[in-house]
Amino acid sequence: MKNVSLWISAMRLRTLPLSVSGIILASCLAEYNGFFKWDIFILAILTTLSFQILSNLANDYGDGVKGTDNSNRIGPERAIQSGKITPESMFNAIKISVLISIILSLTLIFCAFNVYHFFLTLTFFILGVVSIVAAMRYTVGKNAYGYRGLGDLFVFVFFGIVSVIGCYVLYSKQIDHVVFLPACTIGLLSTAVLNLNNMRDVESDKKSQKMTLAVKLGKTYMKVYHFFLVGSAILLSAIFGILYYTSPYNLIFMVTYIPLIIHLIKVKKTTELRLLDPELKKLALTTFLLAILMGIGHLL
């Protein structure tokens, strides 16, 4: 049981709700337009979770072997950092995780398109491969993009654009205008979660030569950037609510603006960066709640 708990901890389950936010929102939009299917929904959730777990294990491995995860790090202790899981064991777990991700991706693609949509099948096969590579290359390898300030872009694309628009296409076999604002909203908030994590770790990352965007921007501008991300998400979601308004229920997601504004006030007032750690969970769960309420509100 001890080994099981160690691996569950390494998978970082608290990151999983954020990863499926886009899938849930896209599924609600698909249901509204009459495209929803339970088998696609379940497989999309499982595939997304497999990508996120793969990313978490790979990040633990990449930062662990590079020495980025050390005693200077503020966040929760990682598996390799603690010495409880060896790099070799973690690498084997990554290989198993890649295999699971491939199987789930292929099953999802076949379930969605069968043999009738060759171009879409090919497109999503390529997306699946790119997603697996991106999940691993954030911290693994000499040219890991997370060490070059590109993590924010990848999170916006995969957690927002690919997650929401891609999932909607799995249902509908087409792209509709209704998905763009929600995709950008979830992408911006997911990027804000990453930026908050990087803000918290900015000092230790700088010492380890992990040049995240927060490190490149510096302590003043990384907060300005954070305000831009969260503020833009609020603005775009509000525009979505207005453009697609049919009843007051459509706007129930706006209750999440309250914790988002409180979060921004907390970030502005916080000078000791390690104190930002509790805000990570709050922001991730608020994003998850916003996705659910935006989707349900659109259905009502």
C-alpha atoms as a PDB file:
ATOM      1  CA  MET A   1       0.000   0.000   0.000  1.00  0.00           C
ATOM      2  CA  LYS A   2       2.913   2.338   0.672  1.00  0.00           C
ATOM      3  CA  ASN A   3       4.177   1.970  -2.909  1.00  0.00           C
ATOM      4  CA  VAL A   4       0.670   2.606  -4.252  1.00  0.00           C
ATOM      5  CA  SER A   5       0.352   5.813  -2.241  1.00  0.00           C
ATOM      6  CA  LEU A   6       3.781   6.937  -3.493  1.00  0.00           C
ATOM      7  CA  TRP A   7       2.754   6.512  -7.125  1.00  0.00           C
ATOM      8  CA  ILE A   8      -0.601   8.164  -6.559  1.00  0.00           C
ATOM      9  CA  SER A   9       1.247  11.100  -5.032  1.00  0.00           C
ATOM     10  CA  ALA A  10       3.620  11.203  -8.034  1.00  0.00           C
ATOM     11  CA  MET A  11       0.624  11.374 -10.377  1.00  0.00           C
ATOM     12  CA  ARG A  12      -0.438  14.610  -8.623  1.00  0.00           C
ATOM     13  CA  LEU A  13      -4.170  13.978  -8.606  1.00  0.00           C
ATOM     14  CA  ARG A  14      -4.922  17.590  -7.655  1.00  0.00           C
ATOM     15  CA  THR A  15      -3.979  18.631 -11.200  1.00  0.00           C
ATOM     16  CA  LEU A  16      -6.538  16.332 -12.849  1.00  0.00           C
ATOM     17  CA  PRO A  17      -9.745  18.436 -12.492  1.00  0.00           C
ATOM     18  CA  LEU A  18      -8.146  21.314 -14.396  1.00  0.00           C
ATOM     19  CA  SER A  19      -7.076  18.999 -17.222  1.00  0.00           C
ATOM     20  CA  VAL A  20     -10.658  17.833 -17.913  1.00  0.00           C
ATOM     21  CA  SER A  21     -12.264  21.280 -17.649  1.00  0.00           C
ATOM     22  CA  GLY A  22     -12.175  21.798 -21.412  1.00  0.00           C
ATOM     23  CA  ILE A  23     -13.602  18.331 -22.077  1.00  0.00           C
ATOM     24  CA  ILE A  24     -16.577  18.940 -19.797  1.00  0.00           C
ATOM     25  CA  LEU A  25     -17.296  22.352 -21.316  1.00  0.00           C
ATOM     26  CA  ALA A  26     -16.985  21.070 -24.902  1.00  0.00           C
ATOM     27  CA  SER A  27     -19.289  18.175 -24.070  1.00  0.00           C
ATOM     28  CA  CYS A  28     -21.986  20.552 -22.810  1.00  0.00           C
ATOM     29  CA  LEU A  29     -21.693  22.630 -25.989  1.00  0.00           C
ATOM     30  CA  ALA A  30     -21.972  19.447 -28.040  1.00  0.00           C
ATOM     31  CA  GLU A  31     -25.052  18.359 -26.079  1.00  0.00           C
ATOM     32  CA  TYR A  32     -26.724  21.713 -26.741  1.00  0.00           C
ATOM     33  CA  ASN A  33     -26.226  21.233 -30.490  1.00  0.00           C
ATOM     34  CA  GLY A  34     -27.329  17.592 -30.426  1.00  0.00           C
ATOM     35  CA  PHE A  35     -23.945  15.896 -30.931  1.00  0.00           C
ATOM     36  CA  PHE A  36     -23.143  14.484 -27.476  1.00  0.00           C
ATOM     37  CA  LYS A  37     -22.312  10.788 -27.068  1.00  0.00           C
ATOM     38  CA  TRP A  38     -21.461   9.096 -23.777  1.00  0.00           C
ATOM     39  CA  ASP A  39     -18.803   6.762 -25.185  1.00  0.00           C
ATOM     40  CA  ILE A  40     -16.857   9.694 -26.666  1.00  0.00           C
ATOM     41  CA  PHE A  41     -17.213  11.642 -23.412  1.00  0.00           C
ATOM     42  CA  ILE A  42     -15.866   8.816 -21.249  1.00  0.00           C
ATOM     43  CA  LEU A  43     -12.985   8.053 -23.614  1.00  0.00           C
ATOM     44  CA  ALA A  44     -12.118  11.754 -23.965  1.00  0.00           C
ATOM     45  CA  ILE A  45     -11.974  12.114 -20.169  1.00  0.00           C
ATOM     46  CA  LEU A  46      -9.809   8.995 -19.799  1.00  0.00           C
ATOM     47  CA  THR A  47      -7.480  10.051 -22.623  1.00  0.00           C
ATOM     48  CA  THR A  48      -7.058  13.541 -21.195  1.00  0.00           C
ATOM     49  CA  LEU A  49      -6.347  12.143 -17.736  1.00  0.00           C
ATOM     50  CA  SER A  50      -3.741   9.798 -19.226  1.00  0.00           C
ATOM     51  CA  PHE A  51      -2.020  12.761 -20.911  1.00  0.00           C
ATOM     52  CA  GLN A  52      -2.019  14.743 -17.660  1.00  0.00           C
ATOM     53  CA  ILE A  53      -0.658  11.853 -15.592  1.00  0.00           C
ATOM     54  CA  LEU A  54       2.031  11.263 -18.232  1.00  0.00           C
ATOM     55  CA  SER A  55       2.930  14.958 -18.058  1.00  0.00           C
ATOM     56  CA  ASN A  56       3.105  14.876 -14.260  1.00  0.00           C
ATOM     57  CA  LEU A  57       5.367  11.819 -14.217  1.00  0.00           C
ATOM     58  CA  ALA A  58       7.570  13.244 -16.961  1.00  0.00           C
ATOM     59  CA  ASN A  59       7.832  16.590 -15.142  1.00  0.00           C
ATOM     60  CA  ASP A  60       8.861  14.809 -11.961  1.00  0.00           C
ATOM     61  CA  TYR A  61      11.491  12.875 -13.911  1.00  0.00           C
ATOM     62  CA  GLY A  62      12.777  15.835 -15.935  1.00  0.00           C
ATOM     63  CA  ASP A  63      13.064  18.261 -13.011  1.00  0.00           C
ATOM     64  CA  GLY A  64      14.372  15.480 -10.776  1.00  0.00           C
ATOM     65  CA  VAL A  65      17.282  14.385 -12.941  1.00  0.00           C
ATOM     66  CA  LYS A  66      18.177  17.991 -13.763  1.00  0.00           C
ATOM     67  CA  GLY A  67      18.282  18.896 -10.074  1.00  0.00           C
ATOM     68  CA  THR A  68      15.622  21.589 -10.450  1.00  0.00           C
ATOM     69  CA  ASP A  69      13.560  19.939  -7.712  1.00  0.00           C
ATOM     70  CA  ASN A  70      15.766  20.576  -4.692  1.00  0.00           C
ATOM     71  CA  SER A  71      15.603  21.897  -1.143  1.00  0.00           C
ATOM     72  CA  ASN A  72      15.052  25.432  -2.460  1.00  0.00           C
ATOM     73  CA  ARG A  73      11.757  24.467  -4.079  1.00  0.00           C
ATOM     74  CA  ILE A  74       8.678  25.816  -2.276  1.00  0.00           C
ATOM     75  CA  GLY A  75       5.938  23.485  -3.530  1.00  0.00           C
ATOM     76  CA  PRO A  76       5.121  19.908  -2.496  1.00  0.00           C
ATOM     77  CA  GLU A  77       8.066  17.508  -2.485  1.00  0.00           C
ATOM     78  CA  ARG A  78       8.328  15.500  -5.684  1.00  0.00           C
ATOM     79  CA  ALA A  79       8.880  11.741  -5.890  1.00  0.00           C
ATOM     80  CA  ILE A  80      12.427  11.695  -7.315  1.00  0.00           C
ATOM     81  CA  GLN A  81      13.401  14.719  -5.237  1.00  0.00           C
ATOM     82  CA  SER A  82      12.441  12.827  -2.071  1.00  0.00           C
ATOM     83  CA  GLY A  83      14.394   9.723  -3.122  1.00  0.00           C
ATOM     84  CA  LYS A  84      11.319   7.539  -2.594  1.00  0.00           C
ATOM     85  CA  ILE A  85      11.129   6.703  -6.301  1.00  0.00           C
ATOM     86  CA  THR A  86      14.270   6.212  -8.383  1.00  0.00           C
ATOM     87  CA  PRO A  87      14.715   7.861 -11.802  1.00  0.00           C
ATOM     88  CA  GLU A  88      14.831   4.393 -13.371  1.00  0.00           C
ATOM     89  CA  SER A  89      11.482   3.417 -11.854  1.00  0.00           C
ATOM     90  CA  MET A  90       9.954   6.723 -12.901  1.00  0.00           C
ATOM     91  CA  PHE A  91      11.215   6.301 -16.461  1.00  0.00           C
ATOM     92  CA  ASN A  92       9.620   2.829 -16.607  1.00  0.00           C
ATOM     93  CA  ALA A  93       6.361   4.302 -15.341  1.00  0.00           C
ATOM     94  CA  ILE A  94       6.549   6.949 -18.074  1.00  0.00           C
ATOM     95  CA  LYS A  95       6.880   4.242 -20.728  1.00  0.00           C
ATOM     96  CA  ILE A  96       3.803   2.449 -19.366  1.00  0.00           C
ATOM     97  CA  SER A  97       1.930   5.760 -19.256  1.00  0.00           C
ATOM     98  CA  VAL A  98       2.845   6.462 -22.893  1.00  0.00           C
ATOM     99  CA  LEU A  99       1.483   3.054 -23.903  1.00  0.00           C
ATOM    100  CA  ILE A 100      -1.788   3.669 -22.051  1.00  0.00           C
ATOM    101  CA  SER A 101      -2.114   7.113 -23.649  1.00  0.00           C
ATOM    102  CA  ILE A 102      -1.581   5.652 -27.126  1.00  0.00           C
ATOM    103  CA  ILE A 103      -4.189   2.916 -26.597  1.00  0.00           C
ATOM    104  CA  LEU A 104      -6.772   5.359 -25.245  1.00  0.00           C
ATOM    105  CA  SER A 105      -6.087   7.890 -28.017  1.00  0.00           C
ATOM    106  CA  LEU A 106      -6.517   5.314 -30.780  1.00  0.00           C
ATOM    107  CA  THR A 107      -9.687   3.961 -29.172  1.00  0.00           C
ATOM    108  CA  LEU A 108     -11.134   7.471 -28.878  1.00  0.00           C
ATOM    109  CA  ILE A 109     -10.302   8.322 -32.497  1.00  0.00           C
ATOM    110  CA  PHE A 110     -11.843   5.090 -33.799  1.00  0.00           C
ATOM    111  CA  CYS A 111     -14.926   5.561 -31.638  1.00  0.00           C
ATOM    112  CA  ALA A 112     -15.405   9.135 -32.871  1.00  0.00           C
ATOM    113  CA  PHE A 113     -14.654   8.724 -36.586  1.00  0.00           C
ATOM    114  CA  ASN A 114     -14.707   4.997 -37.306  1.00  0.00           C
ATOM    115  CA  VAL A 115     -13.596   4.600 -40.947  1.00  0.00           C
ATOM    116  CA  TYR A 116     -15.713   7.367 -42.434  1.00  0.00           C
ATOM    117  CA  HIS A 117     -13.648  10.509 -41.785  1.00  0.00           C
ATOM    118  CA  PHE A 118     -10.116   9.909 -43.033  1.00  0.00           C
ATOM    119  CA  PHE A 119      -8.913  13.525 -42.819  1.00  0.00           C
ATOM    120  CA  LEU A 120     -10.210  13.973 -39.269  1.00  0.00           C
ATOM    121  CA  THR A 121      -8.794  10.593 -38.251  1.00  0.00           C
ATOM    122  CA  LEU A 122      -5.372  11.563 -39.586  1.00  0.00           C
ATOM    123  CA  THR A 123      -5.568  15.012 -37.957  1.00  0.00           C
ATOM    124  CA  PHE A 124      -6.434  13.633 -34.548  1.00  0.00           C
ATOM    125  CA  PHE A 125      -3.841  10.875 -34.832  1.00  0.00           C
ATOM    126  CA  ILE A 126      -1.208  13.579 -35.357  1.00  0.00           C
ATOM    127  CA  LEU A 127      -2.695  15.604 -32.481  1.00  0.00           C
ATOM    128  CA  GLY A 128      -2.469  12.549 -30.246  1.00  0.00           C
ATOM    129  CA  VAL A 129       1.200  12.023 -31.084  1.00  0.00           C
ATOM    130  CA  VAL A 130       1.968  15.717 -30.581  1.00  0.00           C
ATOM    131  CA  SER A 131       0.085  15.711 -27.253  1.00  0.00           C
ATOM    132  CA  ILE A 132       2.126  12.773 -25.956  1.00  0.00           C
ATOM    133  CA  VAL A 133       5.390  14.369 -27.058  1.00  0.00           C
ATOM    134  CA  ALA A 134       4.368  17.721 -25.547  1.00  0.00           C
ATOM    135  CA  ALA A 135       3.412  16.056 -22.259  1.00  0.00           C
ATOM    136  CA  MET A 136       6.912  14.596 -21.998  1.00  0.00           C
ATOM    137  CA  ARG A 137       9.031  17.408 -23.407  1.00  0.00           C
ATOM    138  CA  TYR A 138       8.001  20.098 -20.917  1.00  0.00           C
ATOM    139  CA  THR A 139      10.943  19.225 -18.672  1.00  0.00           C
ATOM    140  CA  VAL A 140      12.518  16.103 -20.230  1.00  0.00           C
ATOM    141  CA  GLY A 141      15.521  16.406 -22.523  1.00  0.00           C
ATOM    142  CA  LYS A 142      18.159  19.005 -23.300  1.00  0.00           C
ATOM    143  CA  ASN A 143      15.744  21.233 -25.213  1.00  0.00           C
ATOM    144  CA  ALA A 144      12.766  20.940 -22.852  1.00  0.00           C
ATOM    145  CA  TYR A 145      10.402  23.768 -23.777  1.00  0.00           C
ATOM    146  CA  GLY A 146       9.480  24.440 -20.147  1.00  0.00           C
ATOM    147  CA  TYR A 147      13.051  25.598 -19.589  1.00  0.00           C
ATOM    148  CA  ARG A 148      12.799  28.107 -22.437  1.00  0.00           C
ATOM    149  CA  GLY A 149       9.665  29.990 -21.391  1.00  0.00           C
ATOM    150  CA  LEU A 150       7.361  28.194 -23.833  1.00  0.00           C
ATOM    151  CA  GLY A 151       5.257  26.294 -21.287  1.00  0.00           C
ATOM    152  CA  ASP A 152       2.594  29.011 -21.215  1.00  0.00           C
ATOM    153  CA  LEU A 153       1.988  28.791 -24.960  1.00  0.00           C
ATOM    154  CA  PHE A 154       1.716  25.006 -24.876  1.00  0.00           C
ATOM    155  CA  VAL A 155      -0.714  25.073 -21.951  1.00  0.00           C
ATOM    156  CA  PHE A 156      -2.946  27.632 -23.697  1.00  0.00           C
ATOM    157  CA  VAL A 157      -2.986  25.555 -26.877  1.00  0.00           C
ATOM    158  CA  PHE A 158      -3.499  22.104 -25.334  1.00  0.00           C
ATOM    159  CA  PHE A 159      -5.645  22.929 -22.292  1.00  0.00           C
ATOM    160  CA  GLY A 160      -7.731  25.488 -24.165  1.00  0.00           C
ATOM    161  CA  ILE A 161      -7.786  25.254 -27.955  1.00  0.00           C
ATOM    162  CA  VAL A 162      -7.151  21.526 -28.404  1.00  0.00           C
ATOM    163  CA  SER A 163      -9.160  20.487 -25.349  1.00  0.00           C
ATOM    164  CA  VAL A 164     -12.341  22.452 -26.076  1.00  0.00           C
ATOM    165  CA  ILE A 165     -12.355  22.742 -29.868  1.00  0.00           C
ATOM    166  CA  GLY A 166     -10.779  19.328 -30.408  1.00  0.00           C
ATOM    167  CA  CYS A 167     -13.260  17.585 -28.130  1.00  0.00           C
ATOM    168  CA  TYR A 168     -16.188  19.363 -29.785  1.00  0.00           C
ATOM    169  CA  VAL A 169     -15.003  18.161 -33.199  1.00  0.00           C
ATOM    170  CA  LEU A 170     -14.828  14.592 -31.874  1.00  0.00           C
ATOM    171  CA  TYR A 171     -18.575  14.836 -31.291  1.00  0.00           C
ATOM    172  CA  SER A 172     -19.710  16.979 -34.196  1.00  0.00           C
ATOM    173  CA  LYS A 173     -17.120  16.347 -36.962  1.00  0.00           C
ATOM    174  CA  GLN A 174     -17.163  20.124 -37.531  1.00  0.00           C
ATOM    175  CA  ILE A 175     -16.092  23.389 -35.905  1.00  0.00           C
ATOM    176  CA  ASP A 176     -18.791  25.835 -34.763  1.00  0.00           C
ATOM    177  CA  HIS A 177     -18.347  29.462 -33.712  1.00  0.00           C
ATOM    178  CA  VAL A 178     -19.703  28.726 -30.229  1.00  0.00           C
ATOM    179  CA  VAL A 179     -16.464  27.000 -29.134  1.00  0.00           C
ATOM    180  CA  PHE A 180     -13.903  29.763 -29.651  1.00  0.00           C
ATOM    181  CA  LEU A 181     -14.549  32.031 -26.661  1.00  0.00           C
ATOM    182  CA  PRO A 182     -14.871  29.113 -24.209  1.00  0.00           C
ATOM    183  CA  ALA A 183     -11.659  27.578 -25.584  1.00  0.00           C
ATOM    184  CA  CYS A 184      -9.749  30.821 -25.054  1.00  0.00           C
ATOM    185  CA  THR A 185     -11.264  31.286 -21.579  1.00  0.00           C
ATOM    186  CA  ILE A 186     -10.171  27.860 -20.340  1.00  0.00           C
ATOM    187  CA  GLY A 187      -6.801  28.237 -22.071  1.00  0.00           C
ATOM    188  CA  LEU A 188      -6.114  31.580 -20.398  1.00  0.00           C
ATOM    189  CA  LEU A 189      -7.078  30.351 -16.919  1.00  0.00           C
ATOM    190  CA  SER A 190      -5.047  27.153 -17.330  1.00  0.00           C
ATOM    191  CA  THR A 191      -2.072  29.272 -18.370  1.00  0.00           C
ATOM    192  CA  ALA A 192      -2.668  31.423 -15.289  1.00  0.00           C
ATOM    193  CA  VAL A 193      -2.399  28.296 -13.122  1.00  0.00           C
ATOM    194  CA  LEU A 194       0.970  27.496 -14.702  1.00  0.00           C
ATOM    195  CA  ASN A 195       2.125  31.102 -14.313  1.00  0.00           C
ATOM    196  CA  LEU A 196       1.120  31.071 -10.641  1.00  0.00           C
ATOM    197  CA  ASN A 197       3.146  27.889 -10.156  1.00  0.00           C
ATOM    198  CA  ASN A 198       6.117  29.533 -11.878  1.00  0.00           C
ATOM    199  CA  MET A 199       5.696  32.713  -9.823  1.00  0.00           C
ATOM    200  CA  ARG A 200       5.880  30.652  -6.659  1.00  0.00           C
ATOM    201  CA  ASP A 201       9.035  28.875  -7.862  1.00  0.00           C
ATOM    202  CA  VAL A 202      10.680  31.843  -9.584  1.00  0.00           C
ATOM    203  CA  GLU A 203      13.687  32.034  -7.255  1.00  0.00           C
ATOM    204  CA  SER A 204      14.522  28.321  -7.285  1.00  0.00           C
ATOM    205  CA  ASP A 205      13.877  28.112 -11.052  1.00  0.00           C
ATOM    206  CA  LYS A 206      16.247  31.018 -11.657  1.00  0.00           C
ATOM    207  CA  LYS A 207      18.997  29.277  -9.679  1.00  0.00           C
ATOM    208  CA  SER A 208      18.411  26.059 -11.624  1.00  0.00           C
ATOM    209  CA  GLN A 209      18.473  27.857 -14.990  1.00  0.00           C
ATOM    210  CA  LYS A 210      14.845  26.929 -15.638  1.00  0.00           C
ATOM    211  CA  MET A 211      13.927  30.014 -17.646  1.00  0.00           C
ATOM    212  CA  THR A 212      10.153  30.033 -17.332  1.00  0.00           C
ATOM    213  CA  LEU A 213       8.248  33.034 -18.610  1.00  0.00           C
ATOM    214  CA  ALA A 214       7.877  34.209 -14.996  1.00  0.00           C
ATOM    215  CA  VAL A 215      11.667  34.190 -14.630  1.00  0.00           C
ATOM    216  CA  LYS A 216      12.059  36.110 -17.886  1.00  0.00           C
ATOM    217  CA  LEU A 217       9.424  38.703 -16.965  1.00  0.00           C
ATOM    218  CA  GLY A 218      10.682  39.335 -13.435  1.00  0.00           C
ATOM    219  CA  LYS A 219       8.724  39.859 -10.232  1.00  0.00           C
ATOM    220  CA  THR A 220       6.850  42.977 -11.339  1.00  0.00           C
ATOM    221  CA  TYR A 221       5.797  42.003 -14.846  1.00  0.00           C
ATOM    222  CA  MET A 222       4.943  38.398 -14.032  1.00  0.00           C
ATOM    223  CA  LYS A 223       2.136  39.759 -11.834  1.00  0.00           C
ATOM    224  CA  VAL A 224       1.004  42.111 -14.604  1.00  0.00           C
ATOM    225  CA  TYR A 225       0.973  39.108 -16.941  1.00  0.00           C
ATOM    226  CA  HIS A 226      -1.059  37.137 -14.400  1.00  0.00           C
ATOM    227  CA  PHE A 227      -3.635  39.916 -14.198  1.00  0.00           C
ATOM    228  CA  PHE A 228      -3.798  39.943 -18.003  1.00  0.00           C
ATOM    229  CA  LEU A 229      -4.462  36.188 -18.143  1.00  0.00           C
ATOM    230  CA  VAL A 230      -7.204  36.102 -15.519  1.00  0.00           C
ATOM    231  CA  GLY A 231      -8.699  39.443 -16.573  1.00  0.00           C
ATOM    232  CA  SER A 232      -8.857  38.396 -20.235  1.00  0.00           C
ATOM    233  CA  ALA A 233     -10.537  35.116 -19.260  1.00  0.00           C
ATOM    234  CA  ILE A 234     -13.179  37.029 -17.302  1.00  0.00           C
ATOM    235  CA  LEU A 235     -13.740  39.407 -20.216  1.00  0.00           C
ATOM    236  CA  LEU A 236     -13.997  36.697 -22.886  1.00  0.00           C
ATOM    237  CA  SER A 237     -16.340  34.547 -20.806  1.00  0.00           C
ATOM    238  CA  ALA A 238     -18.558  37.586 -20.161  1.00  0.00           C
ATOM    239  CA  ILE A 239     -18.687  38.302 -23.903  1.00  0.00           C
ATOM    240  CA  PHE A 240     -19.636  34.654 -24.472  1.00  0.00           C
ATOM    241  CA  GLY A 241     -22.445  34.981 -21.922  1.00  0.00           C
ATOM    242  CA  ILE A 242     -23.781  38.092 -23.631  1.00  0.00           C
ATOM    243  CA  LEU A 243     -23.499  36.822 -27.207  1.00  0.00           C
ATOM    244  CA  TYR A 244     -25.240  33.519 -26.490  1.00  0.00           C
ATOM    245  CA  TYR A 245     -27.704  34.819 -23.909  1.00  0.00           C
ATOM    246  CA  THR A 246     -31.146  33.198 -23.884  1.00  0.00           C
ATOM    247  CA  SER A 247     -31.954  33.216 -20.162  1.00  0.00           C
ATOM    248  CA  PRO A 248     -30.466  34.390 -16.843  1.00  0.00           C
ATOM    249  CA  TYR A 249     -29.352  30.821 -16.176  1.00  0.00           C
ATOM    250  CA  ASN A 250     -26.773  31.178 -18.957  1.00  0.00           C
ATOM    251  CA  LEU A 251     -24.824  33.553 -16.721  1.00  0.00           C
ATOM    252  CA  ILE A 252     -24.502  31.373 -13.616  1.00  0.00           C
ATOM    253  CA  PHE A 253     -20.788  30.919 -14.357  1.00  0.00           C
ATOM    254  CA  MET A 254     -20.266  34.566 -13.428  1.00  0.00           C
ATOM    255  CA  VAL A 255     -20.386  33.623  -9.745  1.00  0.00           C
ATOM    256  CA  THR A 256     -16.829  32.336 -10.266  1.00  0.00           C
ATOM    257  CA  TYR A 257     -15.738  35.919 -10.907  1.00  0.00           C
ATOM    258  CA  ILE A 258     -15.917  36.463  -7.145  1.00  0.00           C
ATOM    259  CA  PRO A 259     -13.151  33.964  -6.225  1.00  0.00           C
ATOM    260  CA  LEU A 260     -11.176  35.043  -9.304  1.00  0.00           C
ATOM    261  CA  ILE A 261     -11.222  38.693  -8.208  1.00  0.00           C
ATOM    262  CA  ILE A 262     -10.359  37.707  -4.627  1.00  0.00           C
ATOM    263  CA  HIS A 263      -7.487  35.660  -6.056  1.00  0.00           C
ATOM    264  CA  LEU A 264      -6.143  38.640  -8.008  1.00  0.00           C
ATOM    265  CA  ILE A 265      -6.283  40.814  -4.894  1.00  0.00           C
ATOM    266  CA  LYS A 266      -4.351  38.138  -2.989  1.00  0.00           C
ATOM    267  CA  VAL A 267      -1.700  37.938  -5.731  1.00  0.00           C
ATOM    268  CA  LYS A 268      -1.334  41.721  -5.799  1.00  0.00           C
ATOM    269  CA  LYS A 269      -0.857  41.965  -2.031  1.00  0.00           C
ATOM    270  CA  THR A 270       1.474  38.980  -1.678  1.00  0.00           C
ATOM    271  CA  THR A 271       5.139  39.906  -1.579  1.00  0.00           C
ATOM    272  CA  GLU A 272       6.486  36.616  -0.219  1.00  0.00           C
ATOM    273  CA  LEU A 273       6.108  34.310  -3.211  1.00  0.00           C
ATOM    274  CA  ARG A 274       5.927  31.044  -1.267  1.00  0.00           C
ATOM    275  CA  LEU A 275       2.599  32.262   0.167  1.00  0.00           C
ATOM    276  CA  LEU A 276       1.094  31.936  -3.311  1.00  0.00           C
ATOM    277  CA  ASP A 277       1.119  28.130  -3.053  1.00  0.00           C
ATOM    278  CA  PRO A 278      -2.434  27.803  -1.594  1.00  0.00           C
ATOM    279  CA  GLU A 279      -3.742  29.950  -4.458  1.00  0.00           C
ATOM    280  CA  LEU A 280      -2.798  27.250  -6.973  1.00  0.00           C
ATOM    281  CA  LYS A 281      -5.499  24.861  -5.809  1.00  0.00           C
ATOM    282  CA  LYS A 282      -8.047  27.675  -5.528  1.00  0.00           C
ATOM    283  CA  LEU A 283      -7.427  28.924  -9.063  1.00  0.00           C
ATOM    284  CA  ALA A 284      -7.445  25.421 -10.577  1.00  0.00           C
ATOM    285  CA  LEU A 285     -10.719  24.486  -8.857  1.00  0.00           C
ATOM    286  CA  THR A 286     -12.286  27.822  -9.776  1.00  0.00           C
ATOM    287  CA  THR A 287     -11.400  27.164 -13.424  1.00  0.00           C
ATOM    288  CA  PHE A 288     -12.954  23.707 -13.155  1.00  0.00           C
ATOM    289  CA  LEU A 289     -16.107  25.184 -11.610  1.00  0.00           C
ATOM    290  CA  LEU A 290     -16.314  27.909 -14.254  1.00  0.00           C
ATOM    291  CA  ALA A 291     -16.110  25.292 -17.018  1.00  0.00           C
ATOM    292  CA  ILE A 292     -18.909  23.254 -15.455  1.00  0.00           C
ATOM    293  CA  LEU A 293     -21.162  26.267 -14.836  1.00  0.00           C
ATOM    294  CA  MET A 294     -20.493  27.758 -18.280  1.00  0.00           C
ATOM    295  CA  GLY A 295     -21.442  24.433 -19.851  1.00  0.00           C
ATOM    296  CA  ILE A 296     -24.514  23.789 -17.716  1.00  0.00           C
ATOM    297  CA  GLY A 297     -25.608  27.414 -18.037  1.00  0.00           C
ATOM    298  CA  HIS A 298     -25.472  27.119 -21.819  1.00  0.00           C
ATOM    299  CA  LEU A 299     -27.771  24.102 -21.629  1.00  0.00           C
ATOM    300  CA  LEU A 300     -30.386  25.780 -19.422  1.00  0.00           C
END
